[in-house]
Amino acid sequence: MMKSKLMILCLSLLLTACAPKESQEIFVKKIDHFMLTCKEPKELYNMLVYTFDLPISWPYRSMGKFTSGGVEFGNCVLEAIDFKIEENISGIIGMAFEPAMKVSDIQDRLREKGLKETNLYSNQYWKNLICNDLSTGGTVFFCEYQIPVNRPEKEPGGNLGIRYVEKVKIAYSDYNKALDLWRKLLVPHKETKEGFWEIESSPNIEIIKSDYDRFISFEVKVKSLEKVRSFLSEKDLIGEDTGSSVYTDPKKTYGVLFEFTE
């Protein structure tokens, strides 16, 4: 009798272990592109295309309410954008995710998780879902394209020998609140340490505590740091050089801070 009960218990445990686990919903497939702006967005675009020699995703042109151009930057796209407003802002002002499901479904799921402040905008080209809870220092949104998107075949390396963007760093004054919201948004992507998420085939995301909310910088992996150091010095764009990292001078790169590492 005891043996039979033990066998039933063992079988029950085995079946439980082998049963398929319910898969976690995933909202973020990867980071698709970043929005950059400054007083002269066209000049920023020209720097990326002609100085850095990066492949064009789409040419700088009017999109109606705004003007923009995109360039390939390894594992994402950088979009130089002009919203035609008078505000004196520069640097990284937005981050767009490629959604893992329809953005309307993501909106419903996020509301259930506590990210209630969202807005859905659409036109013939895309549907955008803005996550207002996380957009205090720049817009965080999902971009669902309504038309085919073609990527150029040219290698993205350019004059800097760019491989890919390792991570984007974002600061929040209410760090604990932001951490909780990002955890809900990025599940099931791996949080390898507090506030740092690894996303396959995409820039990773790191959030830190600061006095005010903002996108801080990109960390960009390159083939040769010495080549970057030489090129930026020649073009008078170099900023801080720690030996293991070389930064651009954001005053000379239209407010955008790039950190290059090998």
C-alpha atoms as a PDB file:
ATOM      1  CA  MET A   1       0.000   0.000   0.000  1.00  0.00           C
ATOM      2  CA  MET A   2       2.799   2.392   0.943  1.00  0.00           C
ATOM      3  CA  LYS A   3       4.670   1.461  -2.219  1.00  0.00           C
ATOM      4  CA  SER A   4       1.635   2.235  -4.392  1.00  0.00           C
ATOM      5  CA  LYS A   5       1.204   5.676  -2.814  1.00  0.00           C
ATOM      6  CA  LEU A   6       4.892   6.427  -3.326  1.00  0.00           C
ATOM      7  CA  MET A   7       4.716   5.387  -6.985  1.00  0.00           C
ATOM      8  CA  ILE A   8       1.641   7.573  -7.553  1.00  0.00           C
ATOM      9  CA  LEU A   9       3.402  10.530  -5.906  1.00  0.00           C
ATOM     10  CA  CYS A  10       6.534  10.047  -8.053  1.00  0.00           C
ATOM     11  CA  LEU A  11       4.442   9.756 -11.226  1.00  0.00           C
ATOM     12  CA  SER A  12       2.506  12.895 -10.318  1.00  0.00           C
ATOM     13  CA  LEU A  13       5.722  14.867  -9.762  1.00  0.00           C
ATOM     14  CA  LEU A  14       7.165  13.584 -13.038  1.00  0.00           C
ATOM     15  CA  LEU A  15       4.083  14.591 -15.020  1.00  0.00           C
ATOM     16  CA  THR A  16       4.092  18.030 -13.409  1.00  0.00           C
ATOM     17  CA  ALA A  17       7.750  18.559 -14.314  1.00  0.00           C
ATOM     18  CA  CYS A  18       7.198  17.434 -17.913  1.00  0.00           C
ATOM     19  CA  ALA A  19       4.002  19.396 -18.486  1.00  0.00           C
ATOM     20  CA  PRO A  20       4.456  22.346 -20.883  1.00  0.00           C
ATOM     21  CA  LYS A  21       4.770  25.625 -19.001  1.00  0.00           C
ATOM     22  CA  GLU A  22       2.526  28.507 -19.924  1.00  0.00           C
ATOM     23  CA  SER A  23       4.604  30.849 -22.069  1.00  0.00           C
ATOM     24  CA  GLN A  24       5.037  34.408 -20.836  1.00  0.00           C
ATOM     25  CA  GLU A  25       3.644  37.142 -23.044  1.00  0.00           C
ATOM     26  CA  ILE A  26       6.282  39.250 -24.728  1.00  0.00           C
ATOM     27  CA  PHE A  27       5.557  42.845 -25.728  1.00  0.00           C
ATOM     28  CA  VAL A  28       8.971  44.100 -26.897  1.00  0.00           C
ATOM     29  CA  LYS A  29      10.592  42.216 -29.764  1.00  0.00           C
ATOM     30  CA  LYS A  30      13.536  44.632 -30.055  1.00  0.00           C
ATOM     31  CA  ILE A  31      14.413  48.313 -30.257  1.00  0.00           C
ATOM     32  CA  ASP A  32      13.668  49.439 -33.805  1.00  0.00           C
ATOM     33  CA  HIS A  33      14.948  53.016 -33.796  1.00  0.00           C
ATOM     34  CA  PHE A  34      15.902  56.063 -31.758  1.00  0.00           C
ATOM     35  CA  MET A  35      14.782  59.622 -32.415  1.00  0.00           C
ATOM     36  CA  LEU A  36      17.416  62.362 -32.245  1.00  0.00           C
ATOM     37  CA  THR A  37      16.912  66.096 -32.556  1.00  0.00           C
ATOM     38  CA  CYS A  38      18.697  69.432 -32.216  1.00  0.00           C
ATOM     39  CA  LYS A  39      18.479  72.983 -33.543  1.00  0.00           C
ATOM     40  CA  GLU A  40      19.684  71.757 -36.946  1.00  0.00           C
ATOM     41  CA  PRO A  41      18.359  68.203 -37.492  1.00  0.00           C
ATOM     42  CA  LYS A  42      19.360  68.213 -41.169  1.00  0.00           C
ATOM     43  CA  GLU A  43      22.983  68.887 -40.152  1.00  0.00           C
ATOM     44  CA  LEU A  44      22.803  66.026 -37.643  1.00  0.00           C
ATOM     45  CA  TYR A  45      21.528  63.758 -40.418  1.00  0.00           C
ATOM     46  CA  ASN A  46      24.335  64.924 -42.723  1.00  0.00           C
ATOM     47  CA  MET A  47      26.925  64.160 -40.034  1.00  0.00           C
ATOM     48  CA  LEU A  48      25.630  60.594 -39.698  1.00  0.00           C
ATOM     49  CA  VAL A  49      25.460  60.038 -43.463  1.00  0.00           C
ATOM     50  CA  TYR A  50      28.425  61.970 -44.841  1.00  0.00           C
ATOM     51  CA  THR A  51      30.884  62.297 -41.935  1.00  0.00           C
ATOM     52  CA  PHE A  52      30.258  58.904 -40.313  1.00  0.00           C
ATOM     53  CA  ASP A  53      29.438  57.311 -43.725  1.00  0.00           C
ATOM     54  CA  LEU A  54      26.470  55.302 -42.443  1.00  0.00           C
ATOM     55  CA  PRO A  55      23.910  53.602 -44.733  1.00  0.00           C
ATOM     56  CA  ILE A  56      20.672  55.508 -45.359  1.00  0.00           C
ATOM     57  CA  SER A  57      17.470  53.868 -44.138  1.00  0.00           C
ATOM     58  CA  TRP A  58      15.349  56.624 -45.644  1.00  0.00           C
ATOM     59  CA  PRO A  59      16.357  60.057 -46.999  1.00  0.00           C
ATOM     60  CA  TYR A  60      15.723  63.254 -45.068  1.00  0.00           C
ATOM     61  CA  ARG A  61      12.261  64.380 -46.173  1.00  0.00           C
ATOM     62  CA  SER A  62       8.976  65.873 -45.014  1.00  0.00           C
ATOM     63  CA  MET A  63       6.539  63.479 -43.321  1.00  0.00           C
ATOM     64  CA  GLY A  64       3.791  66.087 -42.983  1.00  0.00           C
ATOM     65  CA  LYS A  65       3.883  67.269 -39.375  1.00  0.00           C
ATOM     66  CA  PHE A  66       7.605  66.579 -39.105  1.00  0.00           C
ATOM     67  CA  THR A  67      10.717  66.091 -41.232  1.00  0.00           C
ATOM     68  CA  SER A  68      13.167  63.240 -40.710  1.00  0.00           C
ATOM     69  CA  GLY A  69      15.835  60.960 -42.146  1.00  0.00           C
ATOM     70  CA  GLY A  70      17.080  57.601 -40.905  1.00  0.00           C
ATOM     71  CA  VAL A  71      20.455  55.847 -40.932  1.00  0.00           C
ATOM     72  CA  GLU A  72      21.473  52.288 -40.089  1.00  0.00           C
ATOM     73  CA  PHE A  73      23.457  52.035 -36.864  1.00  0.00           C
ATOM     74  CA  GLY A  74      24.292  48.350 -36.560  1.00  0.00           C
ATOM     75  CA  ASN A  75      21.377  46.726 -34.737  1.00  0.00           C
ATOM     76  CA  CYS A  76      18.998  49.708 -34.885  1.00  0.00           C
ATOM     77  CA  VAL A  77      18.201  52.879 -36.805  1.00  0.00           C
ATOM     78  CA  LEU A  78      18.936  56.484 -35.806  1.00  0.00           C
ATOM     79  CA  GLU A  79      16.301  58.975 -36.934  1.00  0.00           C
ATOM     80  CA  ALA A  80      17.237  62.657 -37.109  1.00  0.00           C
ATOM     81  CA  ILE A  81      13.899  64.413 -36.691  1.00  0.00           C
ATOM     82  CA  ASP A  82      12.541  67.961 -36.820  1.00  0.00           C
ATOM     83  CA  PHE A  83       9.142  68.424 -35.168  1.00  0.00           C
ATOM     84  CA  LYS A  84       9.092  72.057 -36.286  1.00  0.00           C
ATOM     85  CA  ILE A  85       8.708  73.423 -32.773  1.00  0.00           C
ATOM     86  CA  GLU A  86      10.541  76.282 -31.099  1.00  0.00           C
ATOM     87  CA  GLU A  87      11.732  74.366 -28.008  1.00  0.00           C
ATOM     88  CA  ASN A  88      15.517  74.296 -27.598  1.00  0.00           C
ATOM     89  CA  ILE A  89      16.038  70.553 -27.103  1.00  0.00           C
ATOM     90  CA  SER A  90      18.782  68.275 -28.378  1.00  0.00           C
ATOM     91  CA  GLY A  91      20.002  64.705 -28.053  1.00  0.00           C
ATOM     92  CA  ILE A  92      18.070  61.447 -27.813  1.00  0.00           C
ATOM     93  CA  ILE A  93      14.368  62.258 -27.478  1.00  0.00           C
ATOM     94  CA  GLY A  94      12.672  58.937 -28.204  1.00  0.00           C
ATOM     95  CA  MET A  95      12.957  55.159 -28.502  1.00  0.00           C
ATOM     96  CA  ALA A  96      10.701  52.974 -30.654  1.00  0.00           C
ATOM     97  CA  PHE A  97      10.140  49.270 -30.054  1.00  0.00           C
ATOM     98  CA  GLU A  98       9.282  46.692 -32.658  1.00  0.00           C
ATOM     99  CA  PRO A  99       6.162  45.099 -31.119  1.00  0.00           C
ATOM    100  CA  ALA A 100       5.828  41.350 -30.622  1.00  0.00           C
ATOM    101  CA  MET A 101       2.042  41.561 -31.139  1.00  0.00           C
ATOM    102  CA  LYS A 102      -0.471  44.107 -32.407  1.00  0.00           C
ATOM    103  CA  VAL A 103      -0.077  47.409 -30.573  1.00  0.00           C
ATOM    104  CA  SER A 104      -3.797  47.520 -29.754  1.00  0.00           C
ATOM    105  CA  ASP A 105      -3.384  44.205 -27.907  1.00  0.00           C
ATOM    106  CA  ILE A 106      -0.269  45.491 -26.148  1.00  0.00           C
ATOM    107  CA  GLN A 107      -2.236  48.509 -24.936  1.00  0.00           C
ATOM    108  CA  ASP A 108      -4.861  46.256 -23.348  1.00  0.00           C
ATOM    109  CA  ARG A 109      -2.239  44.024 -21.696  1.00  0.00           C
ATOM    110  CA  LEU A 110      -0.225  46.967 -20.349  1.00  0.00           C
ATOM    111  CA  ARG A 111      -3.307  48.503 -18.771  1.00  0.00           C
ATOM    112  CA  GLU A 112      -3.875  45.232 -16.948  1.00  0.00           C
ATOM    113  CA  LYS A 113      -0.278  45.418 -15.680  1.00  0.00           C
ATOM    114  CA  GLY A 114      -0.597  48.978 -14.375  1.00  0.00           C
ATOM    115  CA  LEU A 115       0.797  50.986 -17.320  1.00  0.00           C
ATOM    116  CA  LYS A 116      -2.476  52.822 -17.802  1.00  0.00           C
ATOM    117  CA  GLU A 117      -1.218  56.038 -19.391  1.00  0.00           C
ATOM    118  CA  THR A 118      -0.932  55.039 -23.055  1.00  0.00           C
ATOM    119  CA  ASN A 119      -2.016  56.680 -26.308  1.00  0.00           C
ATOM    120  CA  LEU A 120      -2.526  55.069 -29.706  1.00  0.00           C
ATOM    121  CA  TYR A 121      -1.884  57.057 -32.888  1.00  0.00           C
ATOM    122  CA  SER A 122      -2.095  55.756 -36.445  1.00  0.00           C
ATOM    123  CA  ASN A 123      -1.893  56.742 -40.097  1.00  0.00           C
ATOM    124  CA  GLN A 124      -1.328  54.914 -43.374  1.00  0.00           C
ATOM    125  CA  TYR A 125       2.340  54.276 -42.527  1.00  0.00           C
ATOM    126  CA  TRP A 126       2.384  53.137 -38.884  1.00  0.00           C
ATOM    127  CA  LYS A 127       0.524  52.655 -35.634  1.00  0.00           C
ATOM    128  CA  ASN A 128       2.295  54.065 -32.586  1.00  0.00           C
ATOM    129  CA  LEU A 129       1.542  53.224 -28.974  1.00  0.00           C
ATOM    130  CA  ILE A 130       3.022  55.803 -26.587  1.00  0.00           C
ATOM    131  CA  CYS A 131       3.898  54.637 -23.060  1.00  0.00           C
ATOM    132  CA  ASN A 132       3.371  57.900 -21.197  1.00  0.00           C
ATOM    133  CA  ASP A 133       4.354  56.429 -17.807  1.00  0.00           C
ATOM    134  CA  LEU A 134       7.914  55.915 -19.093  1.00  0.00           C
ATOM    135  CA  SER A 135       8.101  58.953 -21.394  1.00  0.00           C
ATOM    136  CA  THR A 136       8.993  61.573 -18.776  1.00  0.00           C
ATOM    137  CA  GLY A 137      12.465  62.160 -20.237  1.00  0.00           C
ATOM    138  CA  GLY A 138      11.761  61.263 -23.864  1.00  0.00           C
ATOM    139  CA  THR A 139       9.130  59.306 -25.754  1.00  0.00           C
ATOM    140  CA  VAL A 140       9.024  55.526 -25.262  1.00  0.00           C
ATOM    141  CA  PHE A 141       6.711  53.883 -27.778  1.00  0.00           C
ATOM    142  CA  PHE A 142       5.875  50.895 -29.957  1.00  0.00           C
ATOM    143  CA  CYS A 143       5.928  51.331 -33.739  1.00  0.00           C
ATOM    144  CA  GLU A 144       3.860  48.914 -35.821  1.00  0.00           C
ATOM    145  CA  TYR A 145       4.583  49.571 -39.498  1.00  0.00           C
ATOM    146  CA  GLN A 146       1.669  49.409 -41.924  1.00  0.00           C
ATOM    147  CA  ILE A 147       3.921  49.250 -44.995  1.00  0.00           C
ATOM    148  CA  PRO A 148       6.903  46.992 -45.882  1.00  0.00           C
ATOM    149  CA  VAL A 149      10.193  48.241 -44.393  1.00  0.00           C
ATOM    150  CA  ASN A 150      13.341  47.627 -46.430  1.00  0.00           C
ATOM    151  CA  ARG A 151      16.799  47.772 -44.867  1.00  0.00           C
ATOM    152  CA  PRO A 152      19.868  48.681 -46.973  1.00  0.00           C
ATOM    153  CA  GLU A 153      22.323  45.910 -47.804  1.00  0.00           C
ATOM    154  CA  LYS A 154      25.405  48.054 -47.141  1.00  0.00           C
ATOM    155  CA  GLU A 155      27.439  47.102 -44.042  1.00  0.00           C
ATOM    156  CA  PRO A 156      26.762  49.627 -41.242  1.00  0.00           C
ATOM    157  CA  GLY A 157      30.385  50.088 -40.116  1.00  0.00           C
ATOM    158  CA  GLY A 158      31.165  53.346 -41.890  1.00  0.00           C
ATOM    159  CA  ASN A 159      34.194  55.476 -40.988  1.00  0.00           C
ATOM    160  CA  LEU A 160      33.901  54.512 -37.312  1.00  0.00           C
ATOM    161  CA  GLY A 161      33.809  50.754 -37.866  1.00  0.00           C
ATOM    162  CA  ILE A 162      30.502  50.427 -35.999  1.00  0.00           C
ATOM    163  CA  ARG A 163      29.404  46.901 -35.081  1.00  0.00           C
ATOM    164  CA  TYR A 164      26.281  47.483 -32.991  1.00  0.00           C
ATOM    165  CA  VAL A 165      24.773  49.527 -30.150  1.00  0.00           C
ATOM    166  CA  GLU A 166      25.533  47.706 -26.894  1.00  0.00           C
ATOM    167  CA  LYS A 167      23.073  49.682 -24.760  1.00  0.00           C
ATOM    168  CA  VAL A 168      21.125  52.866 -24.255  1.00  0.00           C
ATOM    169  CA  LYS A 169      21.252  54.525 -20.845  1.00  0.00           C
ATOM    170  CA  ILE A 170      18.157  56.275 -19.449  1.00  0.00           C
ATOM    171  CA  ALA A 171      17.902  58.266 -16.207  1.00  0.00           C
ATOM    172  CA  TYR A 172      14.882  58.660 -13.920  1.00  0.00           C
ATOM    173  CA  SER A 173      14.411  60.773 -10.808  1.00  0.00           C
ATOM    174  CA  ASP A 174      11.805  58.312  -9.462  1.00  0.00           C
ATOM    175  CA  TYR A 175      14.014  55.294 -10.077  1.00  0.00           C
ATOM    176  CA  ASN A 176      11.978  52.735  -8.123  1.00  0.00           C
ATOM    177  CA  LYS A 177       8.765  53.583  -9.960  1.00  0.00           C
ATOM    178  CA  ALA A 178      10.540  53.428 -13.330  1.00  0.00           C
ATOM    179  CA  LEU A 179      12.184  50.116 -12.418  1.00  0.00           C
ATOM    180  CA  ASP A 180       8.822  48.556 -11.610  1.00  0.00           C
ATOM    181  CA  LEU A 181       7.267  49.785 -14.877  1.00  0.00           C
ATOM    182  CA  TRP A 182      10.187  48.679 -17.031  1.00  0.00           C
ATOM    183  CA  ARG A 183      10.076  45.218 -15.468  1.00  0.00           C
ATOM    184  CA  LYS A 184       6.418  44.914 -16.463  1.00  0.00           C
ATOM    185  CA  LEU A 185       7.100  46.172 -19.978  1.00  0.00           C
ATOM    186  CA  LEU A 186      10.199  44.100 -20.737  1.00  0.00           C
ATOM    187  CA  VAL A 187       9.128  40.730 -19.358  1.00  0.00           C
ATOM    188  CA  PRO A 188      10.378  38.075 -20.190  1.00  0.00           C
ATOM    189  CA  HIS A 189      13.666  39.697 -21.342  1.00  0.00           C
ATOM    190  CA  LYS A 190      16.438  38.911 -18.885  1.00  0.00           C
ATOM    191  CA  GLU A 191      17.294  41.495 -16.226  1.00  0.00           C
ATOM    192  CA  THR A 192      20.923  40.476 -15.711  1.00  0.00           C
ATOM    193  CA  LYS A 193      21.417  43.010 -12.927  1.00  0.00           C
ATOM    194  CA  GLU A 194      19.084  45.536 -11.389  1.00  0.00           C
ATOM    195  CA  GLY A 195      17.968  48.005 -14.035  1.00  0.00           C
ATOM    196  CA  PHE A 196      19.781  46.301 -16.931  1.00  0.00           C
ATOM    197  CA  TRP A 197      17.957  44.198 -19.525  1.00  0.00           C
ATOM    198  CA  GLU A 198      19.447  42.139 -22.327  1.00  0.00           C
ATOM    199  CA  ILE A 199      17.393  42.083 -25.531  1.00  0.00           C
ATOM    200  CA  GLU A 200      18.453  39.707 -28.287  1.00  0.00           C
ATOM    201  CA  SER A 201      19.549  41.298 -31.605  1.00  0.00           C
ATOM    202  CA  SER A 202      18.917  44.733 -30.107  1.00  0.00           C
ATOM    203  CA  PRO A 203      20.519  47.434 -28.005  1.00  0.00           C
ATOM    204  CA  ASN A 204      20.220  46.572 -24.318  1.00  0.00           C
ATOM    205  CA  ILE A 205      18.527  48.940 -21.865  1.00  0.00           C
ATOM    206  CA  GLU A 206      19.988  50.350 -18.659  1.00  0.00           C
ATOM    207  CA  ILE A 207      18.155  52.701 -16.322  1.00  0.00           C
ATOM    208  CA  ILE A 208      19.834  54.684 -13.548  1.00  0.00           C
ATOM    209  CA  LYS A 209      18.798  57.160 -10.851  1.00  0.00           C
ATOM    210  CA  SER A 210      19.390  60.851 -11.526  1.00  0.00           C
ATOM    211  CA  ASP A 211      18.088  64.261 -10.538  1.00  0.00           C
ATOM    212  CA  TYR A 212      15.950  64.483 -13.664  1.00  0.00           C
ATOM    213  CA  ASP A 213      14.561  62.218 -16.380  1.00  0.00           C
ATOM    214  CA  ARG A 214      16.381  61.923 -19.709  1.00  0.00           C
ATOM    215  CA  PHE A 215      18.023  59.692 -22.255  1.00  0.00           C
ATOM    216  CA  ILE A 216      21.755  59.916 -21.538  1.00  0.00           C
ATOM    217  CA  SER A 217      23.849  58.121 -24.142  1.00  0.00           C
ATOM    218  CA  PHE A 218      24.513  55.195 -26.461  1.00  0.00           C
ATOM    219  CA  GLU A 219      27.328  52.726 -25.849  1.00  0.00           C
ATOM    220  CA  VAL A 220      28.486  51.621 -29.294  1.00  0.00           C
ATOM    221  CA  LYS A 221      30.699  48.603 -30.009  1.00  0.00           C
ATOM    222  CA  VAL A 222      33.297  49.223 -32.715  1.00  0.00           C
ATOM    223  CA  LYS A 223      35.907  47.149 -34.520  1.00  0.00           C
ATOM    224  CA  SER A 224      38.826  49.343 -33.478  1.00  0.00           C
ATOM    225  CA  LEU A 225      38.827  51.939 -30.715  1.00  0.00           C
ATOM    226  CA  GLU A 226      42.101  53.357 -32.016  1.00  0.00           C
ATOM    227  CA  LYS A 227      40.476  53.973 -35.403  1.00  0.00           C
ATOM    228  CA  VAL A 228      37.583  55.793 -33.684  1.00  0.00           C
ATOM    229  CA  ARG A 229      39.983  57.851 -31.584  1.00  0.00           C
ATOM    230  CA  SER A 230      41.961  58.869 -34.662  1.00  0.00           C
ATOM    231  CA  PHE A 231      38.888  59.664 -36.764  1.00  0.00           C
ATOM    232  CA  LEU A 232      37.105  61.738 -34.119  1.00  0.00           C
ATOM    233  CA  SER A 233      40.320  63.657 -33.364  1.00  0.00           C
ATOM    234  CA  GLU A 234      40.815  64.403 -37.056  1.00  0.00           C
ATOM    235  CA  LYS A 235      37.228  65.660 -37.375  1.00  0.00           C
ATOM    236  CA  ASP A 236      37.458  67.617 -34.075  1.00  0.00           C
ATOM    237  CA  LEU A 237      34.515  65.675 -32.600  1.00  0.00           C
ATOM    238  CA  ILE A 238      36.280  63.874 -29.766  1.00  0.00           C
ATOM    239  CA  GLY A 239      35.282  64.385 -26.144  1.00  0.00           C
ATOM    240  CA  GLU A 240      36.389  62.430 -23.072  1.00  0.00           C
ATOM    241  CA  ASP A 241      38.863  59.569 -23.579  1.00  0.00           C
ATOM    242  CA  THR A 242      39.189  57.119 -20.676  1.00  0.00           C
ATOM    243  CA  GLY A 243      41.407  54.666 -22.530  1.00  0.00           C
ATOM    244  CA  SER A 244      38.753  51.938 -22.628  1.00  0.00           C
ATOM    245  CA  SER A 245      36.021  54.295 -23.878  1.00  0.00           C
ATOM    246  CA  VAL A 246      36.053  57.218 -26.294  1.00  0.00           C
ATOM    247  CA  TYR A 247      33.197  59.739 -26.220  1.00  0.00           C
ATOM    248  CA  THR A 248      32.059  62.312 -28.698  1.00  0.00           C
ATOM    249  CA  ASP A 249      31.793  65.944 -27.611  1.00  0.00           C
ATOM    250  CA  PRO A 250      27.998  66.447 -27.575  1.00  0.00           C
ATOM    251  CA  LYS A 251      28.467  70.157 -28.224  1.00  0.00           C
ATOM    252  CA  LYS A 252      29.955  69.184 -31.582  1.00  0.00           C
ATOM    253  CA  THR A 253      27.693  66.204 -32.348  1.00  0.00           C
ATOM    254  CA  TYR A 254      24.424  68.127 -32.087  1.00  0.00           C
ATOM    255  CA  GLY A 255      23.676  67.227 -28.469  1.00  0.00           C
ATOM    256  CA  VAL A 256      24.036  63.453 -28.944  1.00  0.00           C
ATOM    257  CA  LEU A 257      26.541  61.683 -26.670  1.00  0.00           C
ATOM    258  CA  PHE A 258      28.124  58.574 -28.180  1.00  0.00           C
ATOM    259  CA  GLU A 259      30.351  56.287 -26.128  1.00  0.00           C
ATOM    260  CA  PHE A 260      32.531  53.954 -28.212  1.00  0.00           C
ATOM    261  CA  THR A 261      34.056  50.743 -26.842  1.00  0.00           C
ATOM    262  CA  GLU A 262      35.598  47.625 -28.351  1.00  0.00           C
END
